[in-house]
Amino acid sequence: MSDTQLIALCKLMEQLLVQHFEQGGAVFVIAADGEQDLAHDMRDAACQVHAATRRAMRERDMLGAGL
């Protein structure tokens, strides 16, 4: 993954998680068609992807780049 793609993915995950908390968790519940267990798994997956992108950016000494 290129540096710009990594930055874009990080921003996307941040925005998704912010929307989740601003809308009281509705983002993942809507995406999961109301299935709470699936919505919970979706949120966990988004958090893990976001953490992985931040870790990759730290390893590339990119924290603060484009964010």
PDB file of N, CA and C in Angstrom:
ATOM      1  N   MET A   1       0.850  -1.165   0.000  1.00  0.00           N
ATOM      2  CA  MET A   1       0.000   0.000   0.000  1.00  0.00           C
ATOM      3  C   MET A   1       0.903   1.238   0.000  1.00  0.00           C
ATOM      4  N   SER A   2       0.559   2.185  -0.826  1.00  0.00           N
ATOM      5  CA  SER A   2       1.369   3.409  -0.897  1.00  0.00           C
ATOM      6  C   SER A   2       1.096   4.290   0.325  1.00  0.00           C
ATOM      7  N   ASP A   3       1.966   5.257   0.538  1.00  0.00           N
ATOM      8  CA  ASP A   3       1.792   6.180   1.660  1.00  0.00           C
ATOM      9  C   ASP A   3       0.471   6.936   1.557  1.00  0.00           C
ATOM     10  N   THR A   4       0.134   7.393   0.353  1.00  0.00           N
ATOM     11  CA  THR A   4      -1.112   8.154   0.194  1.00  0.00           C
ATOM     12  C   THR A   4      -2.333   7.274   0.426  1.00  0.00           C
ATOM     13  N   GLN A   5      -2.268   6.013   0.014  1.00  0.00           N
ATOM     14  CA  GLN A   5      -3.372   5.092   0.276  1.00  0.00           C
ATOM     15  C   GLN A   5      -3.512   4.825   1.774  1.00  0.00           C
ATOM     16  N   LEU A   6      -2.401   4.709   2.455  1.00  0.00           N
ATOM     17  CA  LEU A   6      -2.423   4.487   3.896  1.00  0.00           C
ATOM     18  C   LEU A   6      -3.045   5.680   4.618  1.00  0.00           C
ATOM     19  N   ILE A   7      -2.675   6.876   4.215  1.00  0.00           N
ATOM     20  CA  ILE A   7      -3.266   8.083   4.800  1.00  0.00           C
ATOM     21  C   ILE A   7      -4.766   8.118   4.532  1.00  0.00           C
ATOM     22  N   ALA A   8      -5.164   7.797   3.304  1.00  0.00           N
ATOM     23  CA  ALA A   8      -6.584   7.800   2.947  1.00  0.00           C
ATOM     24  C   ALA A   8      -7.363   6.776   3.766  1.00  0.00           C
ATOM     25  N   LEU A   9      -6.810   5.588   3.938  1.00  0.00           N
ATOM     26  CA  LEU A   9      -7.483   4.552   4.721  1.00  0.00           C
ATOM     27  C   LEU A   9      -7.609   4.970   6.178  1.00  0.00           C
ATOM     28  N   CYS A  10      -6.573   5.566   6.712  1.00  0.00           N
ATOM     29  CA  CYS A  10      -6.610   6.033   8.095  1.00  0.00           C
ATOM     30  C   CYS A  10      -7.701   7.090   8.276  1.00  0.00           C
ATOM     31  N   LYS A  11      -7.769   8.039   7.362  1.00  0.00           N
ATOM     32  CA  LYS A  11      -8.796   9.084   7.430  1.00  0.00           C
ATOM     33  C   LYS A  11     -10.197   8.491   7.295  1.00  0.00           C
ATOM     34  N   LEU A  12     -10.350   7.524   6.406  1.00  0.00           N
ATOM     35  CA  LEU A  12     -11.645   6.877   6.218  1.00  0.00           C
ATOM     36  C   LEU A  12     -12.098   6.176   7.493  1.00  0.00           C
ATOM     37  N   MET A  13     -11.203   5.434   8.119  1.00  0.00           N
ATOM     38  CA  MET A  13     -11.546   4.728   9.354  1.00  0.00           C
ATOM     39  C   MET A  13     -11.863   5.711  10.478  1.00  0.00           C
ATOM     40  N   GLU A  14     -11.090   6.790  10.567  1.00  0.00           N
ATOM     41  CA  GLU A  14     -11.371   7.802  11.588  1.00  0.00           C
ATOM     42  C   GLU A  14     -12.756   8.395  11.388  1.00  0.00           C
ATOM     43  N   GLN A  15     -13.086   8.730  10.150  1.00  0.00           N
ATOM     44  CA  GLN A  15     -14.392   9.323   9.866  1.00  0.00           C
ATOM     45  C   GLN A  15     -15.517   8.344  10.173  1.00  0.00           C
ATOM     46  N   LEU A  16     -15.333   7.099   9.824  1.00  0.00           N
ATOM     47  CA  LEU A  16     -16.345   6.081  10.099  1.00  0.00           C
ATOM     48  C   LEU A  16     -16.581   5.941  11.599  1.00  0.00           C
ATOM     49  N   LEU A  17     -15.519   5.901  12.373  1.00  0.00           N
ATOM     50  CA  LEU A  17     -15.657   5.759  13.823  1.00  0.00           C
ATOM     51  C   LEU A  17     -16.241   7.014  14.464  1.00  0.00           C
ATOM     52  N   VAL A  18     -15.859   8.186  13.976  1.00  0.00           N
ATOM     53  CA  VAL A  18     -16.441   9.426  14.498  1.00  0.00           C
ATOM     54  C   VAL A  18     -17.940   9.438  14.231  1.00  0.00           C
ATOM     55  N   GLN A  19     -18.343   9.091  13.020  1.00  0.00           N
ATOM     56  CA  GLN A  19     -19.768   9.050  12.687  1.00  0.00           C
ATOM     57  C   GLN A  19     -20.510   8.055  13.574  1.00  0.00           C
ATOM     58  N   HIS A  20     -19.884   6.940  13.844  1.00  0.00           N
ATOM     59  CA  HIS A  20     -20.495   5.930  14.715  1.00  0.00           C
ATOM     60  C   HIS A  20     -20.825   6.537  16.078  1.00  0.00           C
ATOM     61  N   PHE A  21     -19.867   7.207  16.684  1.00  0.00           N
ATOM     62  CA  PHE A  21     -20.087   7.750  18.020  1.00  0.00           C
ATOM     63  C   PHE A  21     -20.986   8.979  17.999  1.00  0.00           C
ATOM     64  N   GLU A  22     -20.924   9.788  16.954  1.00  0.00           N
ATOM     65  CA  GLU A  22     -21.795  10.960  16.862  1.00  0.00           C
ATOM     66  C   GLU A  22     -23.249  10.564  16.643  1.00  0.00           C
ATOM     67  N   GLN A  23     -23.477   9.438  16.000  1.00  0.00           N
ATOM     68  CA  GLN A  23     -24.842   9.001  15.703  1.00  0.00           C
ATOM     69  C   GLN A  23     -25.324   7.933  16.674  1.00  0.00           C
ATOM     70  N   GLY A  24     -24.660   7.797  17.793  1.00  0.00           N
ATOM     71  CA  GLY A  24     -25.108   6.847  18.808  1.00  0.00           C
ATOM     72  C   GLY A  24     -25.022   5.401  18.381  1.00  0.00           C
ATOM     73  N   GLY A  25     -24.100   5.075  17.521  1.00  0.00           N
ATOM     74  CA  GLY A  25     -23.909   3.691  17.102  1.00  0.00           C
ATOM     75  C   GLY A  25     -24.752   3.265  15.918  1.00  0.00           C
ATOM     76  N   ALA A  26     -25.496   4.197  15.332  1.00  0.00           N
ATOM     77  CA  ALA A  26     -26.422   3.839  14.258  1.00  0.00           C
ATOM     78  C   ALA A  26     -25.728   3.407  12.970  1.00  0.00           C
ATOM     79  N   VAL A  27     -24.531   3.898  12.717  1.00  0.00           N
ATOM     80  CA  VAL A  27     -23.849   3.609  11.447  1.00  0.00           C
ATOM     81  C   VAL A  27     -23.702   2.108  11.233  1.00  0.00           C
ATOM     82  N   PHE A  28     -23.182   1.412  12.210  1.00  0.00           N
ATOM     83  CA  PHE A  28     -22.947  -0.020  12.050  1.00  0.00           C
ATOM     84  C   PHE A  28     -24.239  -0.821  12.169  1.00  0.00           C
ATOM     85  N   VAL A  29     -25.180  -0.357  12.982  1.00  0.00           N
ATOM     86  CA  VAL A  29     -26.468  -1.051  13.109  1.00  0.00           C
ATOM     87  C   VAL A  29     -27.215  -0.998  11.780  1.00  0.00           C
ATOM     88  N   ILE A  30     -27.188   0.152  11.124  1.00  0.00           N
ATOM     89  CA  ILE A  30     -27.831   0.286   9.811  1.00  0.00           C
ATOM     90  C   ILE A  30     -27.142  -0.623   8.800  1.00  0.00           C
ATOM     91  N   ALA A  31     -25.810  -0.602   8.789  1.00  0.00           N
ATOM     92  CA  ALA A  31     -25.061  -1.445   7.845  1.00  0.00           C
ATOM     93  C   ALA A  31     -25.298  -2.929   8.102  1.00  0.00           C
ATOM     94  N   ALA A  32     -25.595  -3.281   9.348  1.00  0.00           N
ATOM     95  CA  ALA A  32     -25.811  -4.689   9.710  1.00  0.00           C
ATOM     96  C   ALA A  32     -27.287  -5.062   9.673  1.00  0.00           C
ATOM     97  N   ASP A  33     -28.115  -4.206   9.094  1.00  0.00           N
ATOM     98  CA  ASP A  33     -29.561  -4.448   9.010  1.00  0.00           C
ATOM     99  C   ASP A  33     -30.170  -4.774  10.370  1.00  0.00           C
ATOM    100  N   GLY A  34     -29.708  -4.059  11.390  1.00  0.00           N
ATOM    101  CA  GLY A  34     -30.284  -4.202  12.717  1.00  0.00           C
ATOM    102  C   GLY A  34     -29.736  -5.337  13.557  1.00  0.00           C
ATOM    103  N   GLU A  35     -28.855  -6.135  13.010  1.00  0.00           N
ATOM    104  CA  GLU A  35     -28.282  -7.252  13.770  1.00  0.00           C
ATOM    105  C   GLU A  35     -27.196  -6.713  14.699  1.00  0.00           C
ATOM    106  N   GLN A  36     -27.493  -6.676  15.984  1.00  0.00           N
ATOM    107  CA  GLN A  36     -26.590  -6.075  16.965  1.00  0.00           C
ATOM    108  C   GLN A  36     -25.235  -6.772  17.035  1.00  0.00           C
ATOM    109  N   ASP A  37     -25.226  -8.099  16.988  1.00  0.00           N
ATOM    110  CA  ASP A  37     -23.952  -8.825  17.062  1.00  0.00           C
ATOM    111  C   ASP A  37     -23.062  -8.491  15.869  1.00  0.00           C
ATOM    112  N   LEU A  38     -23.648  -8.445  14.687  1.00  0.00           N
ATOM    113  CA  LEU A  38     -22.890  -8.106  13.490  1.00  0.00           C
ATOM    114  C   LEU A  38     -22.404  -6.659  13.558  1.00  0.00           C
ATOM    115  N   ALA A  39     -23.248  -5.763  14.034  1.00  0.00           N
ATOM    116  CA  ALA A  39     -22.864  -4.355  14.171  1.00  0.00           C
ATOM    117  C   ALA A  39     -21.680  -4.219  15.124  1.00  0.00           C
ATOM    118  N   HIS A  40     -21.706  -4.968  16.212  1.00  0.00           N
ATOM    119  CA  HIS A  40     -20.598  -4.945  17.179  1.00  0.00           C
ATOM    120  C   HIS A  40     -19.312  -5.448  16.520  1.00  0.00           C
ATOM    121  N   ASP A  41     -19.419  -6.536  15.757  1.00  0.00           N
ATOM    122  CA  ASP A  41     -18.245  -7.071  15.060  1.00  0.00           C
ATOM    123  C   ASP A  41     -17.718  -6.084  14.021  1.00  0.00           C
ATOM    124  N   MET A  42     -18.619  -5.384  13.333  1.00  0.00           N
ATOM    125  CA  MET A  42     -18.205  -4.375  12.355  1.00  0.00           C
ATOM    126  C   MET A  42     -17.430  -3.252  13.031  1.00  0.00           C
ATOM    127  N   ARG A  43     -17.943  -2.788  14.174  1.00  0.00           N
ATOM    128  CA  ARG A  43     -17.252  -1.721  14.895  1.00  0.00           C
ATOM    129  C   ARG A  43     -15.876  -2.180  15.361  1.00  0.00           C
ATOM    130  N   ASP A  44     -15.810  -3.401  15.896  1.00  0.00           N
ATOM    131  CA  ASP A  44     -14.518  -3.937  16.332  1.00  0.00           C
ATOM    132  C   ASP A  44     -13.535  -4.034  15.166  1.00  0.00           C
ATOM    133  N   ALA A  45     -14.024  -4.483  14.019  1.00  0.00           N
ATOM    134  CA  ALA A  45     -13.158  -4.605  12.840  1.00  0.00           C
ATOM    135  C   ALA A  45     -12.656  -3.231  12.395  1.00  0.00           C
ATOM    136  N   ALA A  46     -13.534  -2.238  12.402  1.00  0.00           N
ATOM    137  CA  ALA A  46     -13.127  -0.882  12.017  1.00  0.00           C
ATOM    138  C   ALA A  46     -12.068  -0.341  12.980  1.00  0.00           C
ATOM    139  N   CYS A  47     -12.236  -0.612  14.266  1.00  0.00           N
ATOM    140  CA  CYS A  47     -11.239  -0.174  15.255  1.00  0.00           C
ATOM    141  C   CYS A  47      -9.899  -0.861  15.015  1.00  0.00           C
ATOM    142  N   GLN A  48      -9.938  -2.148  14.698  1.00  0.00           N
ATOM    143  CA  GLN A  48      -8.696  -2.883  14.449  1.00  0.00           C
ATOM    144  C   GLN A  48      -7.996  -2.387  13.187  1.00  0.00           C
ATOM    145  N   VAL A  49      -8.767  -2.110  12.147  1.00  0.00           N
ATOM    146  CA  VAL A  49      -8.180  -1.577  10.909  1.00  0.00           C
ATOM    147  C   VAL A  49      -7.571  -0.202  11.180  1.00  0.00           C
ATOM    148  N   HIS A  50      -8.279   0.630  11.928  1.00  0.00           N
ATOM    149  CA  HIS A  50      -7.750   1.956  12.248  1.00  0.00           C
ATOM    150  C   HIS A  50      -6.456   1.836  13.045  1.00  0.00           C
ATOM    151  N   ALA A  51      -6.432   0.956  14.028  1.00  0.00           N
ATOM    152  CA  ALA A  51      -5.209   0.761  14.819  1.00  0.00           C
ATOM    153  C   ALA A  51      -4.062   0.267  13.938  1.00  0.00           C
ATOM    154  N   ALA A  52      -4.369  -0.627  13.013  1.00  0.00           N
ATOM    155  CA  ALA A  52      -3.329  -1.150  12.115  1.00  0.00           C
ATOM    156  C   ALA A  52      -2.790  -0.062  11.191  1.00  0.00           C
ATOM    157  N   THR A  53      -3.669   0.814  10.709  1.00  0.00           N
ATOM    158  CA  THR A  53      -3.185   1.898   9.845  1.00  0.00           C
ATOM    159  C   THR A  53      -2.311   2.863  10.631  1.00  0.00           C
ATOM    160  N   ARG A  54      -2.701   3.164  11.865  1.00  0.00           N
ATOM    161  CA  ARG A  54      -1.885   4.055  12.697  1.00  0.00           C
ATOM    162  C   ARG A  54      -0.528   3.421  13.001  1.00  0.00           C
ATOM    163  N   ARG A  55      -0.536   2.121  13.265  1.00  0.00           N
ATOM    164  CA  ARG A  55       0.718   1.411  13.531  1.00  0.00           C
ATOM    165  C   ARG A  55       1.626   1.456  12.302  1.00  0.00           C
ATOM    166  N   ALA A  56       1.045   1.210  11.131  1.00  0.00           N
ATOM    167  CA  ALA A  56       1.828   1.241   9.889  1.00  0.00           C
ATOM    168  C   ALA A  56       2.384   2.638   9.639  1.00  0.00           C
ATOM    169  N   MET A  57       1.582   3.656   9.934  1.00  0.00           N
ATOM    170  CA  MET A  57       2.063   5.026   9.754  1.00  0.00           C
ATOM    171  C   MET A  57       3.197   5.333  10.728  1.00  0.00           C
ATOM    172  N   ARG A  58       3.086   4.840  11.949  1.00  0.00           N
ATOM    173  CA  ARG A  58       4.159   5.056  12.925  1.00  0.00           C
ATOM    174  C   ARG A  58       5.441   4.366  12.472  1.00  0.00           C
ATOM    175  N   GLU A  59       5.304   3.133  11.952  1.00  0.00           N
ATOM    176  CA  GLU A  59       6.471   2.397  11.465  1.00  0.00           C
ATOM    177  C   GLU A  59       7.142   3.110  10.297  1.00  0.00           C
ATOM    178  N   ARG A  60       6.355   3.807   9.491  1.00  0.00           N
ATOM    179  CA  ARG A  60       6.898   4.556   8.352  1.00  0.00           C
ATOM    180  C   ARG A  60       7.264   5.989   8.731  1.00  0.00           C
ATOM    181  N   ASP A  61       7.164   6.299  10.016  1.00  0.00           N
ATOM    182  CA  ASP A  61       7.453   7.642  10.519  1.00  0.00           C
ATOM    183  C   ASP A  61       6.586   8.681   9.806  1.00  0.00           C
ATOM    184  N   MET A  62       5.289   8.374   9.697  1.00  0.00           N
ATOM    185  CA  MET A  62       4.357   9.234   8.975  1.00  0.00           C
ATOM    186  C   MET A  62       3.308   9.874   9.874  1.00  0.00           C
ATOM    187  N   LEU A  63       3.331   9.626  11.166  1.00  0.00           N
ATOM    188  CA  LEU A  63       2.294  10.193  12.023  1.00  0.00           C
ATOM    189  C   LEU A  63       2.294  11.705  11.882  1.00  0.00           C
ATOM    190  N   GLY A  64       1.121  12.241  11.674  1.00  0.00           N
ATOM    191  CA  GLY A  64       0.989  13.673  11.431  1.00  0.00           C
ATOM    192  C   GLY A  64       0.967  14.012   9.951  1.00  0.00           C
ATOM    193  N   ALA A  65       1.327  13.056   9.100  1.00  0.00           N
ATOM    194  CA  ALA A  65       1.347  13.298   7.654  1.00  0.00           C
ATOM    195  C   ALA A  65      -0.072  13.290   7.106  1.00  0.00           C
ATOM    196  N   GLY A  66      -0.527  14.409   6.654  1.00  0.00           N
ATOM    197  CA  GLY A  66      -1.834  14.485   6.022  1.00  0.00           C
ATOM    198  C   GLY A  66      -3.001  14.342   6.968  1.00  0.00           C
ATOM    199  N   LEU A  67      -2.723  14.301   8.264  1.00  0.00           N
ATOM    200  CA  LEU A  67      -3.819  14.131   9.226  1.00  0.00           C
ATOM    201  C   LEU A  67      -4.085  15.404   9.982  1.00  0.00           C
TER     202      LEU A  67
END
